[in-house]
Structure formats: C-alpha cells, structure tokens
Amino acid sequence: MKNLGQMMKQVQNMQSRMAEMQDKLVDLEMPGSSGGGMVQVILNGKGIVKSLKIDPTLVNPAETDVLEDLIVAAVNDAKAKLDDKLQSEMSKFTGGLPLPPGFKLPF
C-alpha cells in the first residue's frame, strides 16, 4: 500500500504541474511569418491569433488570392512552431515518457 500512496501523491503533483502549465499557455506567444516577413502573425499558446500584420505593399485588390495564401502560410508557420514548443514542454513534463500516438496533452 505504501507504493500506492506514493503513486497517488505523484499523480496529484503531476495534475498540479499540468494546471500550472495550462495557465502559462495563455501567456505564451508564438510568431509566424510568410512572404519574407511581409505577413506576420502571433498566436497564443492555445492557438488563437492575437495579432496579424500585413505589409501595405501586399494590399492589391487584384491579387487578394496571394494575400490570402500568405496569411494562411503565416498562421500555419506559427502553429507549427507552437506545436513544436508544446511538444518540447510536454516532454519535459512527462520526463521523456513517450505518449501513445494521437494522445495530446494538455488538450
């Protein structure tokens, strides 16, 4: 029973650390860009767009499809960086313990 008590204590500690990490995710900001920096986006740790900046030279009514593609690329760039950062943080949290495929923390 001593081992069970220790395990429960570890689980509670892990839950506490997970809650702290989730609180910090809101403050995390991850930049992304495309078009050589002409479109820049910042996502928070939850993947929500916080800001979007577009170089004024890109604003051409005849080429909105190019601008749309650059915005999508910038958001995807930031999302990929965010996913890498979250993966890195989670591996610290889990002590390098590999999680099953498709199992994502903290979401």
PDB file of N, CA and C in Angstrom:
ATOM      1  N   MET A   1       0.805  -1.194   0.000  1.00  0.00           N
ATOM      2  CA  MET A   1       0.000   0.000   0.000  1.00  0.00           C
ATOM      3  C   MET A   1       0.850   1.260   0.000  1.00  0.00           C
ATOM      4  N   LYS A   2       2.065   1.144   0.495  1.00  0.00           N
ATOM      5  CA  LYS A   2       2.950   2.306   0.526  1.00  0.00           C
ATOM      6  C   LYS A   2       3.205   2.802  -0.891  1.00  0.00           C
ATOM      7  N   ASN A   3       3.419   1.900  -1.839  1.00  0.00           N
ATOM      8  CA  ASN A   3       3.661   2.289  -3.227  1.00  0.00           C
ATOM      9  C   ASN A   3       2.447   2.984  -3.831  1.00  0.00           C
ATOM     10  N   LEU A   4       1.245   2.525  -3.482  1.00  0.00           N
ATOM     11  CA  LEU A   4       0.025   3.132  -3.995  1.00  0.00           C
ATOM     12  C   LEU A   4      -0.100   4.571  -3.498  1.00  0.00           C
ATOM     13  N   GLY A   5       0.234   4.781  -2.250  1.00  0.00           N
ATOM     14  CA  GLY A   5       0.203   6.137  -1.674  1.00  0.00           C
ATOM     15  C   GLY A   5       1.184   7.060  -2.365  1.00  0.00           C
ATOM     16  N   GLN A   6       2.378   6.551  -2.644  1.00  0.00           N
ATOM     17  CA  GLN A   6       3.378   7.349  -3.349  1.00  0.00           C
ATOM     18  C   GLN A   6       2.917   7.664  -4.768  1.00  0.00           C
ATOM     19  N   MET A   7       2.315   6.681  -5.412  1.00  0.00           N
ATOM     20  CA  MET A   7       1.838   6.879  -6.769  1.00  0.00           C
ATOM     21  C   MET A   7       0.726   7.940  -6.798  1.00  0.00           C
ATOM     22  N   MET A   8      -0.171   7.900  -5.850  1.00  0.00           N
ATOM     23  CA  MET A   8      -1.253   8.889  -5.779  1.00  0.00           C
ATOM     24  C   MET A   8      -0.684  10.288  -5.555  1.00  0.00           C
ATOM     25  N   LYS A   9       0.346  10.378  -4.737  1.00  0.00           N
ATOM     26  CA  LYS A   9       0.995  11.660  -4.483  1.00  0.00           C
ATOM     27  C   LYS A   9       1.629  12.192  -5.775  1.00  0.00           C
ATOM     28  N   GLN A  10       2.259  11.309  -6.534  1.00  0.00           N
ATOM     29  CA  GLN A  10       2.878  11.705  -7.799  1.00  0.00           C
ATOM     30  C   GLN A  10       1.829  12.165  -8.799  1.00  0.00           C
ATOM     31  N   VAL A  11       0.692  11.480  -8.840  1.00  0.00           N
ATOM     32  CA  VAL A  11      -0.391  11.867  -9.749  1.00  0.00           C
ATOM     33  C   VAL A  11      -0.922  13.245  -9.381  1.00  0.00           C
ATOM     34  N   GLN A  12      -1.097  13.497  -8.100  1.00  0.00           N
ATOM     35  CA  GLN A  12      -1.579  14.803  -7.663  1.00  0.00           C
ATOM     36  C   GLN A  12      -0.576  15.895  -8.008  1.00  0.00           C
ATOM     37  N   ASN A  13       0.693  15.593  -7.833  1.00  0.00           N
ATOM     38  CA  ASN A  13       1.748  16.551  -8.174  1.00  0.00           C
ATOM     39  C   ASN A  13       1.734  16.834  -9.672  1.00  0.00           C
ATOM     40  N   MET A  14       1.574  15.783 -10.454  1.00  0.00           N
ATOM     41  CA  MET A  14       1.539  15.940 -11.905  1.00  0.00           C
ATOM     42  C   MET A  14       0.322  16.774 -12.318  1.00  0.00           C
ATOM     43  N   GLN A  15      -0.820  16.558 -11.697  1.00  0.00           N
ATOM     44  CA  GLN A  15      -2.014  17.339 -12.009  1.00  0.00           C
ATOM     45  C   GLN A  15      -1.792  18.811 -11.691  1.00  0.00           C
ATOM     46  N   SER A  16      -1.149  19.076 -10.601  1.00  0.00           N
ATOM     47  CA  SER A  16      -0.863  20.449 -10.203  1.00  0.00           C
ATOM     48  C   SER A  16       0.067  21.120 -11.212  1.00  0.00           C
ATOM     49  N   ARG A  17       1.115  20.403 -11.603  1.00  0.00           N
ATOM     50  CA  ARG A  17       2.060  20.943 -12.592  1.00  0.00           C
ATOM     51  C   ARG A  17       1.379  21.156 -13.936  1.00  0.00           C
ATOM     52  N   MET A  18       0.465  20.263 -14.307  1.00  0.00           N
ATOM     53  CA  MET A  18      -0.267  20.387 -15.570  1.00  0.00           C
ATOM     54  C   MET A  18      -1.147  21.636 -15.541  1.00  0.00           C
ATOM     55  N   ALA A  19      -1.816  21.884 -14.437  1.00  0.00           N
ATOM     56  CA  ALA A  19      -2.672  23.069 -14.311  1.00  0.00           C
ATOM     57  C   ALA A  19      -1.834  24.340 -14.431  1.00  0.00           C
ATOM     58  N   GLU A  20      -0.658  24.347 -13.808  1.00  0.00           N
ATOM     59  CA  GLU A  20       0.244  25.498 -13.913  1.00  0.00           C
ATOM     60  C   GLU A  20       0.667  25.721 -15.364  1.00  0.00           C
ATOM     61  N   MET A  21       0.990  24.645 -16.055  1.00  0.00           N
ATOM     62  CA  MET A  21       1.425  24.764 -17.440  1.00  0.00           C
ATOM     63  C   MET A  21       0.294  25.300 -18.314  1.00  0.00           C
ATOM     64  N   GLN A  22      -0.922  24.833 -18.105  1.00  0.00           N
ATOM     65  CA  GLN A  22      -2.055  25.313 -18.889  1.00  0.00           C
ATOM     66  C   GLN A  22      -2.284  26.802 -18.666  1.00  0.00           C
ATOM     67  N   ASP A  23      -2.101  27.266 -17.433  1.00  0.00           N
ATOM     68  CA  ASP A  23      -2.235  28.695 -17.148  1.00  0.00           C
ATOM     69  C   ASP A  23      -1.179  29.507 -17.890  1.00  0.00           C
ATOM     70  N   LYS A  24       0.025  28.967 -17.986  1.00  0.00           N
ATOM     71  CA  LYS A  24       1.115  29.667 -18.671  1.00  0.00           C
ATOM     72  C   LYS A  24       0.929  29.699 -20.181  1.00  0.00           C
ATOM     73  N   LEU A  25       0.184  28.723 -20.733  1.00  0.00           N
ATOM     74  CA  LEU A  25      -0.007  28.668 -22.182  1.00  0.00           C
ATOM     75  C   LEU A  25      -0.694  29.907 -22.725  1.00  0.00           C
ATOM     76  N   VAL A  26      -1.575  30.481 -21.962  1.00  0.00           N
ATOM     77  CA  VAL A  26      -2.293  31.669 -22.420  1.00  0.00           C
ATOM     78  C   VAL A  26      -1.313  32.818 -22.646  1.00  0.00           C
ATOM     79  N   ASP A  27      -0.267  32.887 -21.828  1.00  0.00           N
ATOM     80  CA  ASP A  27       0.718  33.964 -21.942  1.00  0.00           C
ATOM     81  C   ASP A  27       1.773  33.705 -23.014  1.00  0.00           C
ATOM     82  N   LEU A  28       1.899  32.469 -23.459  1.00  0.00           N
ATOM     83  CA  LEU A  28       2.876  32.126 -24.483  1.00  0.00           C
ATOM     84  C   LEU A  28       2.488  32.763 -25.811  1.00  0.00           C
ATOM     85  N   GLU A  29       3.446  33.359 -26.493  1.00  0.00           N
ATOM     86  CA  GLU A  29       3.195  33.933 -27.814  1.00  0.00           C
ATOM     87  C   GLU A  29       4.169  33.327 -28.807  1.00  0.00           C
ATOM     88  N   MET A  30       3.629  32.882 -29.944  1.00  0.00           N
ATOM     89  CA  MET A  30       4.458  32.261 -30.968  1.00  0.00           C
ATOM     90  C   MET A  30       4.265  33.000 -32.279  1.00  0.00           C
ATOM     91  N   PRO A  31       5.358  33.589 -32.815  1.00  0.00           N
ATOM     92  CA  PRO A  31       5.245  34.309 -34.081  1.00  0.00           C
ATOM     93  C   PRO A  31       5.344  33.361 -35.274  1.00  0.00           C
ATOM     94  N   GLY A  32       4.747  33.781 -36.365  1.00  0.00           N
ATOM     95  CA  GLY A  32       4.864  33.077 -37.635  1.00  0.00           C
ATOM     96  C   GLY A  32       4.901  34.125 -38.733  1.00  0.00           C
ATOM     97  N   SER A  33       5.516  33.785 -39.848  1.00  0.00           N
ATOM     98  CA  SER A  33       5.576  34.751 -40.938  1.00  0.00           C
ATOM     99  C   SER A  33       5.620  34.037 -42.275  1.00  0.00           C
ATOM    100  N   SER A  34       5.344  34.815 -43.316  1.00  0.00           N
ATOM    101  CA  SER A  34       5.442  34.305 -44.684  1.00  0.00           C
ATOM    102  C   SER A  34       5.766  35.477 -45.596  1.00  0.00           C
ATOM    103  N   GLY A  35       6.099  35.146 -46.832  1.00  0.00           N
ATOM    104  CA  GLY A  35       6.425  36.193 -47.791  1.00  0.00           C
ATOM    105  C   GLY A  35       7.627  37.002 -47.361  1.00  0.00           C
ATOM    106  N   GLY A  36       8.604  36.341 -46.777  1.00  0.00           N
ATOM    107  CA  GLY A  36       9.807  37.053 -46.340  1.00  0.00           C
ATOM    108  C   GLY A  36       9.523  38.054 -45.237  1.00  0.00           C
ATOM    109  N   GLY A  37       8.518  37.779 -44.415  1.00  0.00           N
ATOM    110  CA  GLY A  37       8.174  38.664 -43.301  1.00  0.00           C
ATOM    111  C   GLY A  37       7.126  39.706 -43.647  1.00  0.00           C
ATOM    112  N   MET A  38       6.604  39.637 -44.867  1.00  0.00           N
ATOM    113  CA  MET A  38       5.600  40.627 -45.273  1.00  0.00           C
ATOM    114  C   MET A  38       4.251  40.381 -44.599  1.00  0.00           C
ATOM    115  N   VAL A  39       4.003  39.157 -44.170  1.00  0.00           N
ATOM    116  CA  VAL A  39       2.820  38.826 -43.383  1.00  0.00           C
ATOM    117  C   VAL A  39       3.323  38.182 -42.096  1.00  0.00           C
ATOM    118  N   GLN A  40       2.905  38.763 -40.965  1.00  0.00           N
ATOM    119  CA  GLN A  40       3.336  38.256 -39.669  1.00  0.00           C
ATOM    120  C   GLN A  40       2.112  38.028 -38.795  1.00  0.00           C
ATOM    121  N   VAL A  41       2.152  36.940 -38.050  1.00  0.00           N
ATOM    122  CA  VAL A  41       1.043  36.594 -37.170  1.00  0.00           C
ATOM    123  C   VAL A  41       1.608  36.144 -35.828  1.00  0.00           C
ATOM    124  N   ILE A  42       0.848  36.376 -34.766  1.00  0.00           N
ATOM    125  CA  ILE A  42       1.231  35.897 -33.440  1.00  0.00           C
ATOM    126  C   ILE A  42       0.058  35.105 -32.885  1.00  0.00           C
ATOM    127  N   LEU A  43       0.356  33.862 -32.461  1.00  0.00           N
ATOM    128  CA  LEU A  43      -0.640  33.005 -31.820  1.00  0.00           C
ATOM    129  C   LEU A  43      -0.326  32.924 -30.331  1.00  0.00           C
ATOM    130  N   ASN A  44      -1.380  32.767 -29.514  1.00  0.00           N
ATOM    131  CA  ASN A  44      -1.110  32.480 -28.109  1.00  0.00           C
ATOM    132  C   ASN A  44      -0.927  30.973 -27.958  1.00  0.00           C
ATOM    133  N   GLY A  45      -0.635  30.535 -26.761  1.00  0.00           N
ATOM    134  CA  GLY A  45      -0.361  29.121 -26.511  1.00  0.00           C
ATOM    135  C   GLY A  45      -1.542  28.202 -26.746  1.00  0.00           C
ATOM    136  N   LYS A  46      -2.728  28.765 -26.873  1.00  0.00           N
ATOM    137  CA  LYS A  46      -3.920  27.971 -27.162  1.00  0.00           C
ATOM    138  C   LYS A  46      -4.207  27.925 -28.655  1.00  0.00           C
ATOM    139  N   GLY A  47      -3.348  28.582 -29.468  1.00  0.00           N
ATOM    140  CA  GLY A  47      -3.519  28.559 -30.921  1.00  0.00           C
ATOM    141  C   GLY A  47      -4.447  29.633 -31.451  1.00  0.00           C
ATOM    142  N   ILE A  48      -4.769  30.621 -30.640  1.00  0.00           N
ATOM    143  CA  ILE A  48      -5.654  31.706 -31.059  1.00  0.00           C
ATOM    144  C   ILE A  48      -4.820  32.862 -31.590  1.00  0.00           C
ATOM    145  N   VAL A  49      -5.222  33.406 -32.747  1.00  0.00           N
ATOM    146  CA  VAL A  49      -4.496  34.518 -33.357  1.00  0.00           C
ATOM    147  C   VAL A  49      -4.662  35.756 -32.484  1.00  0.00           C
ATOM    148  N   LYS A  50      -3.523  36.319 -32.055  1.00  0.00           N
ATOM    149  CA  LYS A  50      -3.541  37.534 -31.241  1.00  0.00           C
ATOM    150  C   LYS A  50      -3.321  38.771 -32.088  1.00  0.00           C
ATOM    151  N   SER A  51      -2.484  38.644 -33.129  1.00  0.00           N
ATOM    152  CA  SER A  51      -2.259  39.800 -33.998  1.00  0.00           C
ATOM    153  C   SER A  51      -1.871  39.348 -35.392  1.00  0.00           C
ATOM    154  N   LEU A  52      -2.118  40.236 -36.332  1.00  0.00           N
ATOM    155  CA  LEU A  52      -1.809  39.998 -37.734  1.00  0.00           C
ATOM    156  C   LEU A  52      -1.310  41.304 -38.323  1.00  0.00           C
ATOM    157  N   LYS A  53      -0.149  41.268 -38.959  1.00  0.00           N
ATOM    158  CA  LYS A  53       0.411  42.453 -39.604  1.00  0.00           C
ATOM    159  C   LYS A  53       0.677  42.130 -41.062  1.00  0.00           C
ATOM    160  N   ILE A  54       0.264  43.046 -41.931  1.00  0.00           N
ATOM    161  CA  ILE A  54       0.429  42.864 -43.364  1.00  0.00           C
ATOM    162  C   ILE A  54       1.158  44.080 -43.926  1.00  0.00           C
ATOM    163  N   ASP A  55       2.228  43.824 -44.663  1.00  0.00           N
ATOM    164  CA  ASP A  55       2.948  44.901 -45.323  1.00  0.00           C
ATOM    165  C   ASP A  55       1.986  45.581 -46.310  1.00  0.00           C
ATOM    166  N   PRO A  56       1.861  46.899 -46.234  1.00  0.00           N
ATOM    167  CA  PRO A  56       0.913  47.602 -47.111  1.00  0.00           C
ATOM    168  C   PRO A  56       1.137  47.377 -48.610  1.00  0.00           C
ATOM    169  N   THR A  57       2.350  47.037 -49.003  1.00  0.00           N
ATOM    170  CA  THR A  57       2.604  46.818 -50.431  1.00  0.00           C
ATOM    171  C   THR A  57       1.909  45.564 -50.954  1.00  0.00           C
ATOM    172  N   LEU A  58       1.464  44.696 -50.046  1.00  0.00           N
ATOM    173  CA  LEU A  58       0.764  43.481 -50.464  1.00  0.00           C
ATOM    174  C   LEU A  58      -0.714  43.719 -50.756  1.00  0.00           C
ATOM    175  N   VAL A  59      -1.226  44.858 -50.313  1.00  0.00           N
ATOM    176  CA  VAL A  59      -2.655  45.127 -50.450  1.00  0.00           C
ATOM    177  C   VAL A  59      -2.946  45.625 -51.871  1.00  0.00           C
ATOM    178  N   ASN A  60      -3.337  44.670 -52.704  1.00  0.00           N
ATOM    179  CA  ASN A  60      -3.690  44.949 -54.092  1.00  0.00           C
ATOM    180  C   ASN A  60      -4.991  44.205 -54.375  1.00  0.00           C
ATOM    181  N   PRO A  61      -6.073  44.942 -54.606  1.00  0.00           N
ATOM    182  CA  PRO A  61      -7.373  44.294 -54.813  1.00  0.00           C
ATOM    183  C   PRO A  61      -7.368  43.226 -55.911  1.00  0.00           C
ATOM    184  N   ALA A  62      -6.471  43.354 -56.873  1.00  0.00           N
ATOM    185  CA  ALA A  62      -6.430  42.384 -57.966  1.00  0.00           C
ATOM    186  C   ALA A  62      -5.707  41.095 -57.575  1.00  0.00           C
ATOM    187  N   GLU A  63      -5.025  41.099 -56.426  1.00  0.00           N
ATOM    188  CA  GLU A  63      -4.246  39.936 -56.018  1.00  0.00           C
ATOM    189  C   GLU A  63      -4.600  39.483 -54.603  1.00  0.00           C
ATOM    190  N   THR A  64      -5.869  39.484 -54.278  1.00  0.00           N
ATOM    191  CA  THR A  64      -6.260  39.065 -52.929  1.00  0.00           C
ATOM    192  C   THR A  64      -5.945  37.600 -52.669  1.00  0.00           C
ATOM    193  N   ASP A  65      -5.928  36.787 -53.715  1.00  0.00           N
ATOM    194  CA  ASP A  65      -5.617  35.371 -53.520  1.00  0.00           C
ATOM    195  C   ASP A  65      -4.197  35.174 -53.008  1.00  0.00           C
ATOM    196  N   VAL A  66      -3.262  36.003 -53.460  1.00  0.00           N
ATOM    197  CA  VAL A  66      -1.879  35.920 -52.977  1.00  0.00           C
ATOM    198  C   VAL A  66      -1.831  36.284 -51.496  1.00  0.00           C
ATOM    199  N   LEU A  67      -2.515  37.363 -51.141  1.00  0.00           N
ATOM    200  CA  LEU A  67      -2.550  37.801 -49.748  1.00  0.00           C
ATOM    201  C   LEU A  67      -3.187  36.737 -48.859  1.00  0.00           C
ATOM    202  N   GLU A  68      -4.275  36.154 -49.314  1.00  0.00           N
ATOM    203  CA  GLU A  68      -4.935  35.092 -48.550  1.00  0.00           C
ATOM    204  C   GLU A  68      -4.000  33.913 -48.330  1.00  0.00           C
ATOM    205  N   ASP A  69      -3.278  33.527 -49.367  1.00  0.00           N
ATOM    206  CA  ASP A  69      -2.334  32.408 -49.243  1.00  0.00           C
ATOM    207  C   ASP A  69      -1.220  32.732 -48.257  1.00  0.00           C
ATOM    208  N   LEU A  70      -0.734  33.970 -48.270  1.00  0.00           N
ATOM    209  CA  LEU A  70       0.336  34.367 -47.352  1.00  0.00           C
ATOM    210  C   LEU A  70      -0.157  34.394 -45.905  1.00  0.00           C
ATOM    211  N   ILE A  71      -1.385  34.805 -45.699  1.00  0.00           N
ATOM    212  CA  ILE A  71      -1.941  34.798 -44.341  1.00  0.00           C
ATOM    213  C   ILE A  71      -2.050  33.367 -43.825  1.00  0.00           C
ATOM    214  N   VAL A  72      -2.578  32.488 -44.652  1.00  0.00           N
ATOM    215  CA  VAL A  72      -2.689  31.079 -44.260  1.00  0.00           C
ATOM    216  C   VAL A  72      -1.304  30.508 -43.961  1.00  0.00           C
ATOM    217  N   ALA A  73      -0.325  30.810 -44.785  1.00  0.00           N
ATOM    218  CA  ALA A  73       1.032  30.301 -44.577  1.00  0.00           C
ATOM    219  C   ALA A  73       1.626  30.830 -43.275  1.00  0.00           C
ATOM    220  N   ALA A  74       1.391  32.096 -42.952  1.00  0.00           N
ATOM    221  CA  ALA A  74       1.921  32.675 -41.716  1.00  0.00           C
ATOM    222  C   ALA A  74       1.280  32.020 -40.494  1.00  0.00           C
ATOM    223  N   VAL A  75      -0.033  31.803 -40.539  1.00  0.00           N
ATOM    224  CA  VAL A  75      -0.720  31.151 -39.424  1.00  0.00           C
ATOM    225  C   VAL A  75      -0.210  29.719 -39.268  1.00  0.00           C
ATOM    226  N   ASN A  76      -0.052  29.019 -40.368  1.00  0.00           N
ATOM    227  CA  ASN A  76       0.451  27.640 -40.303  1.00  0.00           C
ATOM    228  C   ASN A  76       1.877  27.586 -39.778  1.00  0.00           C
ATOM    229  N   ASP A  77       2.700  28.584 -40.133  1.00  0.00           N
ATOM    230  CA  ASP A  77       4.073  28.655 -39.634  1.00  0.00           C
ATOM    231  C   ASP A  77       4.067  28.816 -38.113  1.00  0.00           C
ATOM    232  N   ALA A  78       3.249  29.741 -37.620  1.00  0.00           N
ATOM    233  CA  ALA A  78       3.171  29.953 -36.174  1.00  0.00           C
ATOM    234  C   ALA A  78       2.629  28.717 -35.473  1.00  0.00           C
ATOM    235  N   LYS A  79       1.641  28.073 -36.062  1.00  0.00           N
ATOM    236  CA  LYS A  79       1.044  26.868 -35.456  1.00  0.00           C
ATOM    237  C   LYS A  79       2.062  25.734 -35.367  1.00  0.00           C
ATOM    238  N   ALA A  80       2.864  25.562 -36.428  1.00  0.00           N
ATOM    239  CA  ALA A  80       3.893  24.517 -36.409  1.00  0.00           C
ATOM    240  C   ALA A  80       4.927  24.794 -35.319  1.00  0.00           C
ATOM    241  N   LYS A  81       5.321  26.061 -35.171  1.00  0.00           N
ATOM    242  CA  LYS A  81       6.274  26.424 -34.121  1.00  0.00           C
ATOM    243  C   LYS A  81       5.667  26.199 -32.737  1.00  0.00           C
ATOM    244  N   LEU A  82       4.396  26.557 -32.604  1.00  0.00           N
ATOM    245  CA  LEU A  82       3.705  26.360 -31.333  1.00  0.00           C
ATOM    246  C   LEU A  82       3.627  24.883 -30.993  1.00  0.00           C
ATOM    247  N   ASP A  83       3.281  24.042 -31.955  1.00  0.00           N
ATOM    248  CA  ASP A  83       3.208  22.602 -31.720  1.00  0.00           C
ATOM    249  C   ASP A  83       4.559  22.045 -31.287  1.00  0.00           C
ATOM    250  N   ASP A  84       5.639  22.510 -31.930  1.00  0.00           N
ATOM    251  CA  ASP A  84       6.981  22.066 -31.543  1.00  0.00           C
ATOM    252  C   ASP A  84       7.307  22.483 -30.109  1.00  0.00           C
ATOM    253  N   LYS A  85       6.947  23.720 -29.763  1.00  0.00           N
ATOM    254  CA  LYS A  85       7.212  24.228 -28.412  1.00  0.00           C
ATOM    255  C   LYS A  85       6.417  23.426 -27.378  1.00  0.00           C
ATOM    256  N   LEU A  86       5.145  23.179 -27.675  1.00  0.00           N
ATOM    257  CA  LEU A  86       4.320  22.410 -26.747  1.00  0.00           C
ATOM    258  C   LEU A  86       4.842  20.986 -26.582  1.00  0.00           C
ATOM    259  N   GLN A  87       5.279  20.392 -27.675  1.00  0.00           N
ATOM    260  CA  GLN A  87       5.849  19.037 -27.623  1.00  0.00           C
ATOM    261  C   GLN A  87       7.093  19.023 -26.740  1.00  0.00           C
ATOM    262  N   SER A  88       7.921  20.042 -26.900  1.00  0.00           N
ATOM    263  CA  SER A  88       9.139  20.149 -26.106  1.00  0.00           C
ATOM    264  C   SER A  88       8.812  20.313 -24.621  1.00  0.00           C
ATOM    265  N   GLU A  89       7.843  21.182 -24.324  1.00  0.00           N
ATOM    266  CA  GLU A  89       7.449  21.398 -22.931  1.00  0.00           C
ATOM    267  C   GLU A  89       6.831  20.139 -22.324  1.00  0.00           C
ATOM    268  N   MET A  90       6.030  19.426 -23.107  1.00  0.00           N
ATOM    269  CA  MET A  90       5.397  18.223 -22.595  1.00  0.00           C
ATOM    270  C   MET A  90       6.418  17.121 -22.340  1.00  0.00           C
ATOM    271  N   SER A  91       7.465  17.052 -23.176  1.00  0.00           N
ATOM    272  CA  SER A  91       8.476  16.023 -22.928  1.00  0.00           C
ATOM    273  C   SER A  91       9.228  16.321 -21.634  1.00  0.00           C
ATOM    274  N   LYS A  92       9.382  17.608 -21.294  1.00  0.00           N
ATOM    275  CA  LYS A  92       9.984  17.953 -20.004  1.00  0.00           C
ATOM    276  C   LYS A  92       9.050  17.523 -18.872  1.00  0.00           C
ATOM    277  N   PHE A  93       7.774  17.760 -19.099  1.00  0.00           N
ATOM    278  CA  PHE A  93       6.767  17.458 -18.085  1.00  0.00           C
ATOM    279  C   PHE A  93       6.639  15.958 -17.845  1.00  0.00           C
ATOM    280  N   THR A  94       6.660  15.186 -18.904  1.00  0.00           N
ATOM    281  CA  THR A  94       6.481  13.733 -18.771  1.00  0.00           C
ATOM    282  C   THR A  94       7.798  13.015 -18.536  1.00  0.00           C
ATOM    283  N   GLY A  95       8.876  13.771 -18.453  1.00  0.00           N
ATOM    284  CA  GLY A  95      10.177  13.157 -18.213  1.00  0.00           C
ATOM    285  C   GLY A  95      10.651  12.326 -19.383  1.00  0.00           C
ATOM    286  N   GLY A  96      10.239  12.699 -20.591  1.00  0.00           N
ATOM    287  CA  GLY A  96      10.650  11.974 -21.781  1.00  0.00           C
ATOM    288  C   GLY A  96       9.848  10.724 -22.040  1.00  0.00           C
ATOM    289  N   LEU A  97       8.842  10.456 -21.201  1.00  0.00           N
ATOM    290  CA  LEU A  97       7.993   9.286 -21.373  1.00  0.00           C
ATOM    291  C   LEU A  97       7.200   9.451 -22.669  1.00  0.00           C
ATOM    292  N   PRO A  98       7.366   8.553 -23.621  1.00  0.00           N
ATOM    293  CA  PRO A  98       6.639   8.693 -24.881  1.00  0.00           C
ATOM    294  C   PRO A  98       5.150   8.449 -24.675  1.00  0.00           C
ATOM    295  N   LEU A  99       4.341   9.328 -25.268  1.00  0.00           N
ATOM    296  CA  LEU A  99       2.892   9.173 -25.176  1.00  0.00           C
ATOM    297  C   LEU A  99       2.394   8.408 -26.392  1.00  0.00           C
ATOM    298  N   PRO A 100       1.298   7.707 -26.252  1.00  0.00           N
ATOM    299  CA  PRO A 100       0.753   6.966 -27.404  1.00  0.00           C
ATOM    300  C   PRO A 100       0.417   7.903 -28.551  1.00  0.00           C
ATOM    301  N   PRO A 101       0.488   7.448 -29.800  1.00  0.00           N
ATOM    302  CA  PRO A 101       0.156   8.284 -30.943  1.00  0.00           C
ATOM    303  C   PRO A 101      -1.252   8.852 -30.808  1.00  0.00           C
ATOM    304  N   GLY A 102      -1.379  10.137 -31.120  1.00  0.00           N
ATOM    305  CA  GLY A 102      -2.671  10.803 -31.043  1.00  0.00           C
ATOM    306  C   GLY A 102      -3.037  11.312 -29.659  1.00  0.00           C
ATOM    307  N   PHE A 103      -2.249  10.950 -28.660  1.00  0.00           N
ATOM    308  CA  PHE A 103      -2.513  11.383 -27.288  1.00  0.00           C
ATOM    309  C   PHE A 103      -1.835  12.730 -27.092  1.00  0.00           C
ATOM    310  N   LYS A 104      -2.629  13.779 -26.880  1.00  0.00           N
ATOM    311  CA  LYS A 104      -2.064  15.105 -26.752  1.00  0.00           C
ATOM    312  C   LYS A 104      -2.370  15.665 -25.376  1.00  0.00           C
ATOM    313  N   LEU A 105      -1.367  16.261 -24.802  1.00  0.00           N
ATOM    314  CA  LEU A 105      -1.525  16.980 -23.549  1.00  0.00           C
ATOM    315  C   LEU A 105      -1.132  18.418 -23.822  1.00  0.00           C
ATOM    316  N   PRO A 106      -1.709  19.373 -23.230  1.00  0.00           N
ATOM    317  CA  PRO A 106      -2.734  19.351 -22.197  1.00  0.00           C
ATOM    318  C   PRO A 106      -4.142  19.379 -22.759  1.00  0.00           C
ATOM    319  N   PHE A 107      -4.319  19.268 -24.046  1.00  0.00           N
ATOM    320  CA  PHE A 107      -5.658  19.417 -24.648  1.00  0.00           C
ATOM    321  C   PHE A 107      -6.330  18.078 -24.796  1.00  0.00           C
TER     322      PHE A 107
END
